[in-house]
Amino acid sequence: MTITYRQLTLEQRYQIKALLTAGYNQSNIARELGCHRATISRELARCPGRHYQSKLAQQASDARRQQAYKATKYTPALLAIIRRCLRHYLSPEMIAHRLDIESDHKITLSTMTIYRWIGW
């Protein structure tokens, strides 16, 4: 059985708080929530102090998600290459294919990404 990763929700954090208050251990909480016990362990380790606070945990999670690095392939140099190809009457489909086979760094862009970047 493969378990896919999902962020804990505010409701799950409320459940963690209630189950901890009821005396459940980390393994039992994980079983109740349907997640891995390491998820519960990490969640509790992130919370400073003696008592788990679900609202503060959610706020901290939201802040981490907002500050997380988001990889993007967009660079001004790549956009310049795309524009140069467009001036030579290459379609976004042709540009995507050309970038895939000719790029030194094996850049892979979808046609839709190219359309979004050029504003069509």
PDB file of N, CA and C in Angstrom:
ATOM      1  N   MET A   1       0.839  -1.179   0.000  1.00  0.00           N
ATOM      2  CA  MET A   1       0.000   0.000   0.000  1.00  0.00           C
ATOM      3  C   MET A   1       0.884   1.243   0.000  1.00  0.00           C
ATOM      4  N   THR A   2       0.708   2.108  -0.969  1.00  0.00           N
ATOM      5  CA  THR A   2       1.467   3.336  -1.061  1.00  0.00           C
ATOM      6  C   THR A   2       0.663   4.473  -0.453  1.00  0.00           C
ATOM      7  N   ILE A   3       1.280   5.181   0.464  1.00  0.00           N
ATOM      8  CA  ILE A   3       0.621   6.320   1.094  1.00  0.00           C
ATOM      9  C   ILE A   3       1.195   7.588   0.476  1.00  0.00           C
ATOM     10  N   THR A   4       0.323   8.432  -0.023  1.00  0.00           N
ATOM     11  CA  THR A   4       0.792   9.682  -0.597  1.00  0.00           C
ATOM     12  C   THR A   4       0.843  10.747   0.488  1.00  0.00           C
ATOM     13  N   TYR A   5       1.771  11.663   0.341  1.00  0.00           N
ATOM     14  CA  TYR A   5       1.977  12.705   1.330  1.00  0.00           C
ATOM     15  C   TYR A   5       0.916  13.787   1.194  1.00  0.00           C
ATOM     16  N   ARG A   6       0.345  14.178   2.327  1.00  0.00           N
ATOM     17  CA  ARG A   6      -0.605  15.291   2.370  1.00  0.00           C
ATOM     18  C   ARG A   6      -0.279  16.137   3.593  1.00  0.00           C
ATOM     19  N   GLN A   7      -0.436  17.429   3.456  1.00  0.00           N
ATOM     20  CA  GLN A   7      -0.256  18.328   4.598  1.00  0.00           C
ATOM     21  C   GLN A   7      -1.377  18.086   5.599  1.00  0.00           C
ATOM     22  N   LEU A   8      -1.071  18.269   6.861  1.00  0.00           N
ATOM     23  CA  LEU A   8      -2.112  18.176   7.875  1.00  0.00           C
ATOM     24  C   LEU A   8      -3.034  19.388   7.761  1.00  0.00           C
ATOM     25  N   THR A   9      -4.304  19.168   7.969  1.00  0.00           N
ATOM     26  CA  THR A   9      -5.278  20.252   7.913  1.00  0.00           C
ATOM     27  C   THR A   9      -5.500  20.797   9.323  1.00  0.00           C
ATOM     28  N   LEU A  10      -6.173  21.924   9.400  1.00  0.00           N
ATOM     29  CA  LEU A  10      -6.485  22.502  10.698  1.00  0.00           C
ATOM     30  C   LEU A  10      -7.353  21.542  11.511  1.00  0.00           C
ATOM     31  N   GLU A  11      -8.302  20.890  10.856  1.00  0.00           N
ATOM     32  CA  GLU A  11      -9.163  19.940  11.553  1.00  0.00           C
ATOM     33  C   GLU A  11      -8.348  18.783  12.133  1.00  0.00           C
ATOM     34  N   GLN A  12      -7.372  18.293  11.369  1.00  0.00           N
ATOM     35  CA  GLN A  12      -6.523  17.211  11.872  1.00  0.00           C
ATOM     36  C   GLN A  12      -5.692  17.685  13.064  1.00  0.00           C
ATOM     37  N   ARG A  13      -5.265  18.937  13.008  1.00  0.00           N
ATOM     38  CA  ARG A  13      -4.508  19.477  14.134  1.00  0.00           C
ATOM     39  C   ARG A  13      -5.393  19.589  15.377  1.00  0.00           C
ATOM     40  N   TYR A  14      -6.656  19.951  15.195  1.00  0.00           N
ATOM     41  CA  TYR A  14      -7.590  19.960  16.324  1.00  0.00           C
ATOM     42  C   TYR A  14      -7.746  18.548  16.891  1.00  0.00           C
ATOM     43  N   GLN A  15      -7.802  17.554  15.993  1.00  0.00           N
ATOM     44  CA  GLN A  15      -7.919  16.160  16.440  1.00  0.00           C
ATOM     45  C   GLN A  15      -6.685  15.739  17.222  1.00  0.00           C
ATOM     46  N   ILE A  16      -5.512  16.155  16.742  1.00  0.00           N
ATOM     47  CA  ILE A  16      -4.270  15.827  17.459  1.00  0.00           C
ATOM     48  C   ILE A  16      -4.345  16.375  18.880  1.00  0.00           C
ATOM     49  N   LYS A  17      -4.757  17.640  19.003  1.00  0.00           N
ATOM     50  CA  LYS A  17      -4.874  18.275  20.320  1.00  0.00           C
ATOM     51  C   LYS A  17      -5.838  17.491  21.218  1.00  0.00           C
ATOM     52  N   ALA A  18      -7.009  17.145  20.664  1.00  0.00           N
ATOM     53  CA  ALA A  18      -8.019  16.424  21.457  1.00  0.00           C
ATOM     54  C   ALA A  18      -7.518  15.041  21.858  1.00  0.00           C
ATOM     55  N   LEU A  19      -6.874  14.349  20.934  1.00  0.00           N
ATOM     56  CA  LEU A  19      -6.387  12.999  21.238  1.00  0.00           C
ATOM     57  C   LEU A  19      -5.243  13.025  22.244  1.00  0.00           C
ATOM     58  N   LEU A  20      -4.376  14.042  22.147  1.00  0.00           N
ATOM     59  CA  LEU A  20      -3.312  14.177  23.146  1.00  0.00           C
ATOM     60  C   LEU A  20      -3.910  14.419  24.529  1.00  0.00           C
ATOM     61  N   THR A  21      -4.931  15.269  24.578  1.00  0.00           N
ATOM     62  CA  THR A  21      -5.608  15.560  25.846  1.00  0.00           C
ATOM     63  C   THR A  21      -6.252  14.297  26.419  1.00  0.00           C
ATOM     64  N   ALA A  22      -6.755  13.445  25.519  1.00  0.00           N
ATOM     65  CA  ALA A  22      -7.394  12.202  25.950  1.00  0.00           C
ATOM     66  C   ALA A  22      -6.378  11.126  26.334  1.00  0.00           C
ATOM     67  N   GLY A  23      -5.086  11.420  26.166  1.00  0.00           N
ATOM     68  CA  GLY A  23      -4.060  10.473  26.595  1.00  0.00           C
ATOM     69  C   GLY A  23      -3.556   9.527  25.518  1.00  0.00           C
ATOM     70  N   TYR A  24      -3.920   9.746  24.270  1.00  0.00           N
ATOM     71  CA  TYR A  24      -3.438   8.889  23.177  1.00  0.00           C
ATOM     72  C   TYR A  24      -1.945   9.113  22.962  1.00  0.00           C
ATOM     73  N   ASN A  25      -1.243   8.061  22.549  1.00  0.00           N
ATOM     74  CA  ASN A  25       0.166   8.228  22.179  1.00  0.00           C
ATOM     75  C   ASN A  25       0.264   8.529  20.683  1.00  0.00           C
ATOM     76  N   GLN A  26       1.471   8.818  20.216  1.00  0.00           N
ATOM     77  CA  GLN A  26       1.668   9.239  18.827  1.00  0.00           C
ATOM     78  C   GLN A  26       1.222   8.178  17.823  1.00  0.00           C
ATOM     79  N   SER A  27       1.503   6.933  18.109  1.00  0.00           N
ATOM     80  CA  SER A  27       1.103   5.855  17.193  1.00  0.00           C
ATOM     81  C   SER A  27      -0.410   5.755  17.068  1.00  0.00           C
ATOM     82  N   ASN A  28      -1.105   5.864  18.191  1.00  0.00           N
ATOM     83  CA  ASN A  28      -2.568   5.793  18.159  1.00  0.00           C
ATOM     84  C   ASN A  28      -3.175   7.004  17.448  1.00  0.00           C
ATOM     85  N   ILE A  29      -2.578   8.166  17.661  1.00  0.00           N
ATOM     86  CA  ILE A  29      -3.061   9.374  16.970  1.00  0.00           C
ATOM     87  C   ILE A  29      -2.890   9.210  15.468  1.00  0.00           C
ATOM     88  N   ALA A  30      -1.730   8.711  15.053  1.00  0.00           N
ATOM     89  CA  ALA A  30      -1.466   8.503  13.626  1.00  0.00           C
ATOM     90  C   ALA A  30      -2.483   7.531  13.032  1.00  0.00           C
ATOM     91  N   ARG A  31      -2.786   6.473  13.762  1.00  0.00           N
ATOM     92  CA  ARG A  31      -3.757   5.487  13.292  1.00  0.00           C
ATOM     93  C   ARG A  31      -5.137   6.135  13.149  1.00  0.00           C
ATOM     94  N   GLU A  32      -5.529   6.944  14.116  1.00  0.00           N
ATOM     95  CA  GLU A  32      -6.829   7.624  14.080  1.00  0.00           C
ATOM     96  C   GLU A  32      -6.930   8.587  12.895  1.00  0.00           C
ATOM     97  N   LEU A  33      -5.828   9.276  12.602  1.00  0.00           N
ATOM     98  CA  LEU A  33      -5.842  10.262  11.511  1.00  0.00           C
ATOM     99  C   LEU A  33      -5.557   9.642  10.149  1.00  0.00           C
ATOM    100  N   GLY A  34      -5.049   8.422  10.143  1.00  0.00           N
ATOM    101  CA  GLY A  34      -4.730   7.766   8.879  1.00  0.00           C
ATOM    102  C   GLY A  34      -3.462   8.287   8.246  1.00  0.00           C
ATOM    103  N   CYS A  35      -2.496   8.636   9.088  1.00  0.00           N
ATOM    104  CA  CYS A  35      -1.210   9.099   8.564  1.00  0.00           C
ATOM    105  C   CYS A  35      -0.093   8.314   9.252  1.00  0.00           C
ATOM    106  N   HIS A  36       1.129   8.563   8.836  1.00  0.00           N
ATOM    107  CA  HIS A  36       2.275   7.858   9.406  1.00  0.00           C
ATOM    108  C   HIS A  36       2.594   8.449  10.776  1.00  0.00           C
ATOM    109  N   ARG A  37       3.093   7.610  11.662  1.00  0.00           N
ATOM    110  CA  ARG A  37       3.396   8.096  13.010  1.00  0.00           C
ATOM    111  C   ARG A  37       4.527   9.129  13.001  1.00  0.00           C
ATOM    112  N   ALA A  38       5.407   9.070  11.993  1.00  0.00           N
ATOM    113  CA  ALA A  38       6.476  10.069  11.888  1.00  0.00           C
ATOM    114  C   ALA A  38       5.895  11.460  11.617  1.00  0.00           C
ATOM    115  N   THR A  39       4.770  11.512  10.921  1.00  0.00           N
ATOM    116  CA  THR A  39       4.106  12.793  10.669  1.00  0.00           C
ATOM    117  C   THR A  39       3.698  13.427  11.989  1.00  0.00           C
ATOM    118  N   ILE A  40       3.130  12.636  12.872  1.00  0.00           N
ATOM    119  CA  ILE A  40       2.708  13.128  14.180  1.00  0.00           C
ATOM    120  C   ILE A  40       3.932  13.524  15.008  1.00  0.00           C
ATOM    121  N   SER A  41       4.963  12.714  14.951  1.00  0.00           N
ATOM    122  CA  SER A  41       6.184  13.000  15.697  1.00  0.00           C
ATOM    123  C   SER A  41       6.788  14.332  15.256  1.00  0.00           C
ATOM    124  N   ARG A  42       6.895  14.540  13.935  1.00  0.00           N
ATOM    125  CA  ARG A  42       7.440  15.809  13.418  1.00  0.00           C
ATOM    126  C   ARG A  42       6.554  16.984  13.806  1.00  0.00           C
ATOM    127  N   GLU A  43       5.250  16.783  13.710  1.00  0.00           N
ATOM    128  CA  GLU A  43       4.307  17.850  14.045  1.00  0.00           C
ATOM    129  C   GLU A  43       4.480  18.279  15.499  1.00  0.00           C
ATOM    130  N   LEU A  44       4.582  17.326  16.392  1.00  0.00           N
ATOM    131  CA  LEU A  44       4.740  17.655  17.808  1.00  0.00           C
ATOM    132  C   LEU A  44       6.117  18.246  18.108  1.00  0.00           C
ATOM    133  N   ALA A  45       7.135  17.799  17.386  1.00  0.00           N
ATOM    134  CA  ALA A  45       8.490  18.324  17.591  1.00  0.00           C
ATOM    135  C   ALA A  45       8.599  19.782  17.148  1.00  0.00           C
ATOM    136  N   ARG A  46       7.792  20.182  16.183  1.00  0.00           N
ATOM    137  CA  ARG A  46       7.838  21.562  15.685  1.00  0.00           C
ATOM    138  C   ARG A  46       7.205  22.558  16.652  1.00  0.00           C
ATOM    139  N   CYS A  47       6.391  22.064  17.551  1.00  0.00           N
ATOM    140  CA  CYS A  47       5.636  22.951  18.438  1.00  0.00           C
ATOM    141  C   CYS A  47       6.419  23.212  19.713  1.00  0.00           C
ATOM    142  N   PRO A  48       6.762  24.460  19.939  1.00  0.00           N
ATOM    143  CA  PRO A  48       7.505  24.782  21.157  1.00  0.00           C
ATOM    144  C   PRO A  48       6.598  24.713  22.384  1.00  0.00           C
ATOM    145  N   GLY A  49       7.190  24.518  23.528  1.00  0.00           N
ATOM    146  CA  GLY A  49       6.410  24.495  24.763  1.00  0.00           C
ATOM    147  C   GLY A  49       5.923  23.107  25.110  1.00  0.00           C
ATOM    148  N   ARG A  50       5.201  23.055  26.194  1.00  0.00           N
ATOM    149  CA  ARG A  50       4.762  21.769  26.714  1.00  0.00           C
ATOM    150  C   ARG A  50       3.437  21.321  26.129  1.00  0.00           C
ATOM    151  N   HIS A  51       2.604  22.252  25.684  1.00  0.00           N
ATOM    152  CA  HIS A  51       1.263  21.916  25.223  1.00  0.00           C
ATOM    153  C   HIS A  51       1.122  22.205  23.733  1.00  0.00           C
ATOM    154  N   TYR A  52       0.584  21.258  23.023  1.00  0.00           N
ATOM    155  CA  TYR A  52       0.350  21.400  21.582  1.00  0.00           C
ATOM    156  C   TYR A  52      -0.796  22.380  21.358  1.00  0.00           C
ATOM    157  N   GLN A  53      -0.565  23.369  20.488  1.00  0.00           N
ATOM    158  CA  GLN A  53      -1.595  24.358  20.175  1.00  0.00           C
ATOM    159  C   GLN A  53      -1.895  24.276  18.677  1.00  0.00           C
ATOM    160  N   SER A  54      -3.078  23.787  18.345  1.00  0.00           N
ATOM    161  CA  SER A  54      -3.420  23.519  16.954  1.00  0.00           C
ATOM    162  C   SER A  54      -3.443  24.776  16.090  1.00  0.00           C
ATOM    163  N   LYS A  55      -3.973  25.880  16.592  1.00  0.00           N
ATOM    164  CA  LYS A  55      -4.028  27.109  15.786  1.00  0.00           C
ATOM    165  C   LYS A  55      -2.635  27.649  15.494  1.00  0.00           C
ATOM    166  N   LEU A  56      -1.771  27.653  16.497  1.00  0.00           N
ATOM    167  CA  LEU A  56      -0.397  28.118  16.283  1.00  0.00           C
ATOM    168  C   LEU A  56       0.348  27.189  15.327  1.00  0.00           C
ATOM    169  N   ALA A  57       0.093  25.898  15.442  1.00  0.00           N
ATOM    170  CA  ALA A  57       0.731  24.935  14.533  1.00  0.00           C
ATOM    171  C   ALA A  57       0.289  25.184  13.099  1.00  0.00           C
ATOM    172  N   GLN A  58      -0.990  25.488  12.901  1.00  0.00           N
ATOM    173  CA  GLN A  58      -1.494  25.777  11.554  1.00  0.00           C
ATOM    174  C   GLN A  58      -0.882  27.067  11.014  1.00  0.00           C
ATOM    175  N   GLN A  59      -0.782  28.092  11.846  1.00  0.00           N
ATOM    176  CA  GLN A  59      -0.182  29.356  11.422  1.00  0.00           C
ATOM    177  C   GLN A  59       1.278  29.163  11.032  1.00  0.00           C
ATOM    178  N   ALA A  60       2.004  28.374  11.811  1.00  0.00           N
ATOM    179  CA  ALA A  60       3.406  28.091  11.493  1.00  0.00           C
ATOM    180  C   ALA A  60       3.521  27.315  10.188  1.00  0.00           C
ATOM    181  N   SER A  61       2.621  26.362   9.978  1.00  0.00           N
ATOM    182  CA  SER A  61       2.619  25.579   8.737  1.00  0.00           C
ATOM    183  C   SER A  61       2.345  26.474   7.533  1.00  0.00           C
ATOM    184  N   ASP A  62       1.355  27.352   7.669  1.00  0.00           N
ATOM    185  CA  ASP A  62       1.034  28.276   6.573  1.00  0.00           C
ATOM    186  C   ASP A  62       2.226  29.174   6.251  1.00  0.00           C
ATOM    187  N   ALA A  63       2.914  29.642   7.282  1.00  0.00           N
ATOM    188  CA  ALA A  63       4.083  30.506   7.074  1.00  0.00           C
ATOM    189  C   ALA A  63       5.202  29.744   6.368  1.00  0.00           C
ATOM    190  N   ARG A  64       5.430  28.489   6.778  1.00  0.00           N
ATOM    191  CA  ARG A  64       6.479  27.681   6.119  1.00  0.00           C
ATOM    192  C   ARG A  64       6.156  27.459   4.657  1.00  0.00           C
ATOM    193  N   ARG A  65       4.898  27.181   4.357  1.00  0.00           N
ATOM    194  CA  ARG A  65       4.493  26.940   2.962  1.00  0.00           C
ATOM    195  C   ARG A  65       4.678  28.187   2.117  1.00  0.00           C
ATOM    196  N   GLN A  66       4.375  29.339   2.701  1.00  0.00           N
ATOM    197  CA  GLN A  66       4.483  30.582   1.941  1.00  0.00           C
ATOM    198  C   GLN A  66       5.943  30.942   1.665  1.00  0.00           C
ATOM    199  N   GLN A  67       6.821  30.617   2.600  1.00  0.00           N
ATOM    200  CA  GLN A  67       8.230  30.956   2.448  1.00  0.00           C
ATOM    201  C   GLN A  67       9.039  29.879   1.738  1.00  0.00           C
ATOM    202  N   ALA A  68       8.439  28.755   1.443  1.00  0.00           N
ATOM    203  CA  ALA A  68       9.160  27.638   0.823  1.00  0.00           C
ATOM    204  C   ALA A  68       9.632  28.010  -0.584  1.00  0.00           C
ATOM    205  N   TYR A  69      10.777  27.476  -0.951  1.00  0.00           N
ATOM    206  CA  TYR A  69      11.325  27.696  -2.281  1.00  0.00           C
ATOM    207  C   TYR A  69      10.434  27.020  -3.310  1.00  0.00           C
ATOM    208  N   LYS A  70      10.078  27.767  -4.317  1.00  0.00           N
ATOM    209  CA  LYS A  70       9.276  27.218  -5.401  1.00  0.00           C
ATOM    210  C   LYS A  70      10.116  27.251  -6.673  1.00  0.00           C
ATOM    211  N   ALA A  71      10.448  26.080  -7.149  1.00  0.00           N
ATOM    212  CA  ALA A  71      11.289  25.982  -8.333  1.00  0.00           C
ATOM    213  C   ALA A  71      10.536  26.488  -9.556  1.00  0.00           C
ATOM    214  N   THR A  72      11.233  27.236 -10.378  1.00  0.00           N
ATOM    215  CA  THR A  72      10.657  27.689 -11.628  1.00  0.00           C
ATOM    216  C   THR A  72      11.729  27.659 -12.698  1.00  0.00           C
ATOM    217  N   LYS A  73      11.326  27.409 -13.888  1.00  0.00           N
ATOM    218  CA  LYS A  73      12.267  27.370 -14.994  1.00  0.00           C
ATOM    219  C   LYS A  73      12.381  28.738 -15.657  1.00  0.00           C
ATOM    220  N   TYR A  74      11.502  29.660 -15.257  1.00  0.00           N
ATOM    221  CA  TYR A  74      11.455  30.966 -15.881  1.00  0.00           C
ATOM    222  C   TYR A  74      12.712  31.754 -15.584  1.00  0.00           C
ATOM    223  N   THR A  75      13.372  32.170 -16.635  1.00  0.00           N
ATOM    224  CA  THR A  75      14.495  33.092 -16.512  1.00  0.00           C
ATOM    225  C   THR A  75      14.389  34.080 -17.666  1.00  0.00           C
ATOM    226  N   PRO A  76      14.888  35.297 -17.480  1.00  0.00           N
ATOM    227  CA  PRO A  76      14.874  36.256 -18.585  1.00  0.00           C
ATOM    228  C   PRO A  76      15.617  35.734 -19.821  1.00  0.00           C
ATOM    229  N   ALA A  77      16.691  34.988 -19.594  1.00  0.00           N
ATOM    230  CA  ALA A  77      17.457  34.448 -20.728  1.00  0.00           C
ATOM    231  C   ALA A  77      16.626  33.435 -21.516  1.00  0.00           C
ATOM    232  N   LEU A  78      15.901  32.577 -20.810  1.00  0.00           N
ATOM    233  CA  LEU A  78      15.065  31.592 -21.491  1.00  0.00           C
ATOM    234  C   LEU A  78      13.928  32.271 -22.239  1.00  0.00           C
ATOM    235  N   LEU A  79      13.339  33.295 -21.647  1.00  0.00           N
ATOM    236  CA  LEU A  79      12.284  34.045 -22.328  1.00  0.00           C
ATOM    237  C   LEU A  79      12.834  34.716 -23.581  1.00  0.00           C
ATOM    238  N   ALA A  80      14.074  35.205 -23.532  1.00  0.00           N
ATOM    239  CA  ALA A  80      14.692  35.825 -24.713  1.00  0.00           C
ATOM    240  C   ALA A  80      14.866  34.797 -25.832  1.00  0.00           C
ATOM    241  N   ILE A  81      15.256  33.573 -25.474  1.00  0.00           N
ATOM    242  CA  ILE A  81      15.391  32.504 -26.476  1.00  0.00           C
ATOM    243  C   ILE A  81      14.039  32.226 -27.111  1.00  0.00           C
ATOM    244  N   ILE A  82      13.002  32.145 -26.300  1.00  0.00           N
ATOM    245  CA  ILE A  82      11.659  31.868 -26.817  1.00  0.00           C
ATOM    246  C   ILE A  82      11.215  32.986 -27.755  1.00  0.00           C
ATOM    247  N   ARG A  83      11.441  34.220 -27.357  1.00  0.00           N
ATOM    248  CA  ARG A  83      11.050  35.353 -28.222  1.00  0.00           C
ATOM    249  C   ARG A  83      11.831  35.350 -29.534  1.00  0.00           C
ATOM    250  N   ARG A  84      13.118  34.999 -29.464  1.00  0.00           N
ATOM    251  CA  ARG A  84      13.928  34.935 -30.690  1.00  0.00           C
ATOM    252  C   ARG A  84      13.382  33.857 -31.626  1.00  0.00           C
ATOM    253  N   CYS A  85      12.979  32.727 -31.050  1.00  0.00           N
ATOM    254  CA  CYS A  85      12.398  31.656 -31.869  1.00  0.00           C
ATOM    255  C   CYS A  85      11.073  32.099 -32.482  1.00  0.00           C
ATOM    256  N   LEU A  86      10.280  32.835 -31.714  1.00  0.00           N
ATOM    257  CA  LEU A  86       9.008  33.327 -32.251  1.00  0.00           C
ATOM    258  C   LEU A  86       9.233  34.290 -33.411  1.00  0.00           C
ATOM    259  N   ARG A  87      10.269  35.115 -33.305  1.00  0.00           N
ATOM    260  CA  ARG A  87      10.579  36.043 -34.413  1.00  0.00           C
ATOM    261  C   ARG A  87      10.976  35.287 -35.678  1.00  0.00           C
ATOM    262  N   HIS A  88      11.477  34.061 -35.493  1.00  0.00           N
ATOM    263  CA  HIS A  88      11.828  33.217 -36.639  1.00  0.00           C
ATOM    264  C   HIS A  88      10.653  32.322 -37.033  1.00  0.00           C
ATOM    265  N   TYR A  89       9.455  32.694 -36.574  1.00  0.00           N
ATOM    266  CA  TYR A  89       8.198  32.033 -36.948  1.00  0.00           C
ATOM    267  C   TYR A  89       8.103  30.580 -36.496  1.00  0.00           C
ATOM    268  N   LEU A  90       8.726  30.278 -35.359  1.00  0.00           N
ATOM    269  CA  LEU A  90       8.553  28.943 -34.787  1.00  0.00           C
ATOM    270  C   LEU A  90       7.342  28.977 -33.853  1.00  0.00           C
ATOM    271  N   SER A  91       6.544  27.946 -33.890  1.00  0.00           N
ATOM    272  CA  SER A  91       5.377  27.858 -33.012  1.00  0.00           C
ATOM    273  C   SER A  91       5.833  27.436 -31.614  1.00  0.00           C
ATOM    274  N   PRO A  92       5.016  27.677 -30.596  1.00  0.00           N
ATOM    275  CA  PRO A  92       5.370  27.203 -29.255  1.00  0.00           C
ATOM    276  C   PRO A  92       5.613  25.686 -29.206  1.00  0.00           C
ATOM    277  N   GLU A  93       4.894  24.924 -30.023  1.00  0.00           N
ATOM    278  CA  GLU A  93       5.129  23.479 -30.081  1.00  0.00           C
ATOM    279  C   GLU A  93       6.534  23.177 -30.592  1.00  0.00           C
ATOM    280  N   MET A  94       6.928  23.900 -31.638  1.00  0.00           N
ATOM    281  CA  MET A  94       8.265  23.696 -32.209  1.00  0.00           C
ATOM    282  C   MET A  94       9.348  24.145 -31.225  1.00  0.00           C
ATOM    283  N   ILE A  95       9.084  25.247 -30.516  1.00  0.00           N
ATOM    284  CA  ILE A  95      10.053  25.755 -29.542  1.00  0.00           C
ATOM    285  C   ILE A  95      10.240  24.746 -28.409  1.00  0.00           C
ATOM    286  N   ALA A  96       9.144  24.212 -27.895  1.00  0.00           N
ATOM    287  CA  ALA A  96       9.235  23.235 -26.808  1.00  0.00           C
ATOM    288  C   ALA A  96      10.060  22.029 -27.234  1.00  0.00           C
ATOM    289  N   HIS A  97       9.811  21.542 -28.430  1.00  0.00           N
ATOM    290  CA  HIS A  97      10.554  20.385 -28.930  1.00  0.00           C
ATOM    291  C   HIS A  97      12.030  20.739 -29.116  1.00  0.00           C
ATOM    292  N   ARG A  98      12.275  21.911 -29.659  1.00  0.00           N
ATOM    293  CA  ARG A  98      13.650  22.331 -29.916  1.00  0.00           C
ATOM    294  C   ARG A  98      14.426  22.480 -28.605  1.00  0.00           C
ATOM    295  N   LEU A  99      13.807  23.084 -27.597  1.00  0.00           N
ATOM    296  CA  LEU A  99      14.470  23.221 -26.295  1.00  0.00           C
ATOM    297  C   LEU A  99      14.785  21.858 -25.703  1.00  0.00           C
ATOM    298  N   ASP A 100      13.885  20.921 -25.884  1.00  0.00           N
ATOM    299  CA  ASP A 100      14.068  19.588 -25.327  1.00  0.00           C
ATOM    300  C   ASP A 100      15.261  18.868 -25.940  1.00  0.00           C
ATOM    301  N   ILE A 101      15.449  19.002 -27.246  1.00  0.00           N
ATOM    302  CA  ILE A 101      16.518  18.240 -27.899  1.00  0.00           C
ATOM    303  C   ILE A 101      17.828  19.007 -28.055  1.00  0.00           C
ATOM    304  N   GLU A 102      17.777  20.356 -28.074  1.00  0.00           N
ATOM    305  CA  GLU A 102      18.994  21.120 -28.345  1.00  0.00           C
ATOM    306  C   GLU A 102      19.617  21.783 -27.130  1.00  0.00           C
ATOM    307  N   SER A 103      18.917  21.853 -26.027  1.00  0.00           N
ATOM    308  CA  SER A 103      19.405  22.579 -24.862  1.00  0.00           C
ATOM    309  C   SER A 103      20.560  21.852 -24.203  1.00  0.00           C
ATOM    310  N   ASP A 104      21.554  22.624 -23.760  1.00  0.00           N
ATOM    311  CA  ASP A 104      22.682  22.057 -23.014  1.00  0.00           C
ATOM    312  C   ASP A 104      22.220  21.482 -21.684  1.00  0.00           C
ATOM    313  N   HIS A 105      21.204  22.109 -21.111  1.00  0.00           N
ATOM    314  CA  HIS A 105      20.726  21.689 -19.801  1.00  0.00           C
ATOM    315  C   HIS A 105      19.478  20.828 -19.902  1.00  0.00           C
ATOM    316  N   LYS A 106      19.126  20.419 -21.073  1.00  0.00           N
ATOM    317  CA  LYS A 106      17.932  19.593 -21.303  1.00  0.00           C
ATOM    318  C   LYS A 106      16.693  20.235 -20.659  1.00  0.00           C
ATOM    319  N   ILE A 107      16.420  21.461 -21.081  1.00  0.00           N
ATOM    320  CA  ILE A 107      15.253  22.176 -20.580  1.00  0.00           C
ATOM    321  C   ILE A 107      14.004  21.577 -21.203  1.00  0.00           C
ATOM    322  N   THR A 108      13.053  21.249 -20.352  1.00  0.00           N
ATOM    323  CA  THR A 108      11.783  20.718 -20.816  1.00  0.00           C
ATOM    324  C   THR A 108      10.685  21.683 -20.406  1.00  0.00           C
ATOM    325  N   LEU A 109      10.023  22.250 -21.400  1.00  0.00           N
ATOM    326  CA  LEU A 109       8.889  23.136 -21.154  1.00  0.00           C
ATOM    327  C   LEU A 109       7.701  22.613 -21.929  1.00  0.00           C
ATOM    328  N   SER A 110       6.540  22.743 -21.329  1.00  0.00           N
ATOM    329  CA  SER A 110       5.344  22.358 -22.069  1.00  0.00           C
ATOM    330  C   SER A 110       4.935  23.511 -22.977  1.00  0.00           C
ATOM    331  N   THR A 111       4.174  23.170 -23.985  1.00  0.00           N
ATOM    332  CA  THR A 111       3.660  24.187 -24.904  1.00  0.00           C
ATOM    333  C   THR A 111       2.814  25.197 -24.145  1.00  0.00           C
ATOM    334  N   MET A 112       2.015  24.712 -23.196  1.00  0.00           N
ATOM    335  CA  MET A 112       1.155  25.617 -22.422  1.00  0.00           C
ATOM    336  C   MET A 112       1.975  26.594 -21.589  1.00  0.00           C
ATOM    337  N   THR A 113       3.107  26.155 -21.058  1.00  0.00           N
ATOM    338  CA  THR A 113       3.971  27.051 -20.295  1.00  0.00           C
ATOM    339  C   THR A 113       4.489  28.156 -21.195  1.00  0.00           C
ATOM    340  N   ILE A 114       4.883  27.804 -22.392  1.00  0.00           N
ATOM    341  CA  ILE A 114       5.378  28.814 -23.336  1.00  0.00           C
ATOM    342  C   ILE A 114       4.261  29.798 -23.673  1.00  0.00           C
ATOM    343  N   TYR A 115       3.067  29.295 -23.921  1.00  0.00           N
ATOM    344  CA  TYR A 115       1.940  30.191 -24.198  1.00  0.00           C
ATOM    345  C   TYR A 115       1.691  31.141 -23.020  1.00  0.00           C
ATOM    346  N   ARG A 116       1.759  30.636 -21.804  1.00  0.00           N
ATOM    347  CA  ARG A 116       1.538  31.501 -20.632  1.00  0.00           C
ATOM    348  C   ARG A 116       2.610  32.566 -20.521  1.00  0.00           C
ATOM    349  N   TRP A 117       3.854  32.183 -20.767  1.00  0.00           N
ATOM    350  CA  TRP A 117       4.959  33.130 -20.640  1.00  0.00           C
ATOM    351  C   TRP A 117       4.871  34.250 -21.657  1.00  0.00           C
ATOM    352  N   ILE A 118       4.422  33.916 -22.864  1.00  0.00           N
ATOM    353  CA  ILE A 118       4.399  34.958 -23.898  1.00  0.00           C
ATOM    354  C   ILE A 118       3.065  35.707 -23.895  1.00  0.00           C
ATOM    355  N   GLY A 119       2.150  35.291 -23.027  1.00  0.00           N
ATOM    356  CA  GLY A 119       0.918  36.031 -22.852  1.00  0.00           C
ATOM    357  C   GLY A 119      -0.137  35.814 -23.923  1.00  0.00           C
ATOM    358  N   TRP A 120      -0.163  34.620 -24.515  1.00  0.00           N
ATOM    359  CA  TRP A 120      -1.197  34.353 -25.542  1.00  0.00           C
ATOM    360  C   TRP A 120      -2.375  33.707 -24.914  1.00  0.00           C
TER     361      TRP A 120
END
